[in-house]
Protein backbone atom coordinates (compact mmCIF):
# COMPACT_ATOMS: atom_id res chain seq x y z
CA MET A 1 75.44 1.95 20.06
CA THR A 2 75.23 2.43 16.23
CA THR A 3 72.45 3.96 14.27
CA THR A 4 70.80 3.18 11.15
CA ILE A 5 68.37 4.97 8.73
CA ASP A 6 66.58 3.46 6.57
CA SER A 7 67.33 5.57 3.05
CA SER A 8 63.77 3.85 1.52
CA GLN A 9 61.98 6.38 4.42
CA LYS A 10 62.26 10.00 2.88
CA LEU A 11 60.94 12.01 5.05
CA HIS A 12 59.30 15.87 4.35
CA LEU A 13 57.69 18.48 6.72
CA VAL A 14 55.86 21.15 5.85
CA PHE A 15 55.18 24.65 8.17
CA GLY A 16 55.21 27.65 8.23
CA GLY A 17 53.83 31.12 8.90
CA GLU A 18 54.06 34.81 9.58
CA LEU A 19 57.63 36.70 8.04
CA GLU A 20 58.36 39.37 9.95
CA ASN A 21 59.13 41.22 5.59
CA LEU A 22 58.80 40.14 2.27
CA ASP A 23 63.44 40.59 2.00
CA GLY A 24 64.20 37.55 4.19
CA VAL A 25 62.97 34.21 6.05
CA ARG A 26 62.57 35.51 9.41
CA PHE A 27 58.79 34.77 11.68
CA SER A 28 56.52 37.31 13.22
CA ASP A 29 55.20 34.58 15.65
CA VAL A 30 57.72 31.80 15.92
CA LYS A 31 55.48 29.91 18.89
CA GLY A 32 52.28 30.09 16.21
CA LEU A 33 53.59 28.76 13.82
CA ASP A 34 51.94 25.95 11.43
CA ILE A 35 53.00 22.30 11.58
CA VAL A 36 51.30 21.01 8.94
CA GLY A 37 52.84 17.45 9.30
CA ILE A 38 55.63 15.31 8.65
CA PHE A 39 54.89 13.38 5.55
CA PRO A 40 56.39 9.62 3.90
CA ASP A 41 57.37 11.20 0.20
CA PHE A 42 57.75 14.65 -1.30
CA ALA A 43 54.78 14.60 -3.48
CA SER A 44 52.97 13.73 -0.78
CA ALA A 45 53.66 17.11 2.08
CA GLN A 46 53.73 19.35 -2.19
CA ILE A 47 50.53 18.36 -2.01
CA ALA A 48 49.71 19.75 1.59
CA TRP A 49 51.92 22.08 0.65
CA ARG A 50 50.57 23.33 -2.09
CA ALA A 51 46.31 23.70 -0.64
CA LYS A 52 48.41 25.41 2.54
CA ALA A 53 50.19 28.69 0.22
CA GLN A 54 47.16 28.39 -1.70
CA SER A 55 45.20 29.11 1.40
CA THR A 56 47.05 32.30 2.25
CA VAL A 57 47.41 33.42 -0.71
CA ASP A 58 46.03 36.53 0.55
CA ASN A 59 48.05 36.76 2.93
CA ALA A 60 51.32 38.41 0.51
CA LEU A 61 53.69 37.78 4.36
CA THR A 62 52.16 34.01 4.60
CA ARG A 63 54.96 31.24 3.97
CA TYR A 64 55.17 27.74 4.11
CA PHE A 65 57.98 25.71 3.39
CA ILE A 66 58.41 21.81 2.40
CA VAL A 67 61.96 20.39 4.56
CA HIS A 68 63.63 17.53 3.57
CA LEU A 69 63.85 15.63 6.81
CA HIS A 70 65.74 12.88 5.53
CA ARG A 71 67.87 14.43 4.62
CA LEU A 72 68.49 16.23 8.62
CA LEU A 73 68.81 12.45 9.77
CA GLU A 74 71.86 11.23 7.68
CA PRO A 75 75.36 10.85 9.44
């Protein structure tokens, strides 16, 4: 059985949470991560990321990230 990947679909995951410290990317509560969503393109993921990042600007330890899921799915 072979799997085909639709190369026109560029899925992106936006998530974030509070880090243990500013020196790395280790979350203080992995179970409490904020999964914003999965988006069909980078532009819409960036809009969601920017909104979440700006809403948490008062907490220096909170960070949001965009993960390029389509890169992880390519064989």
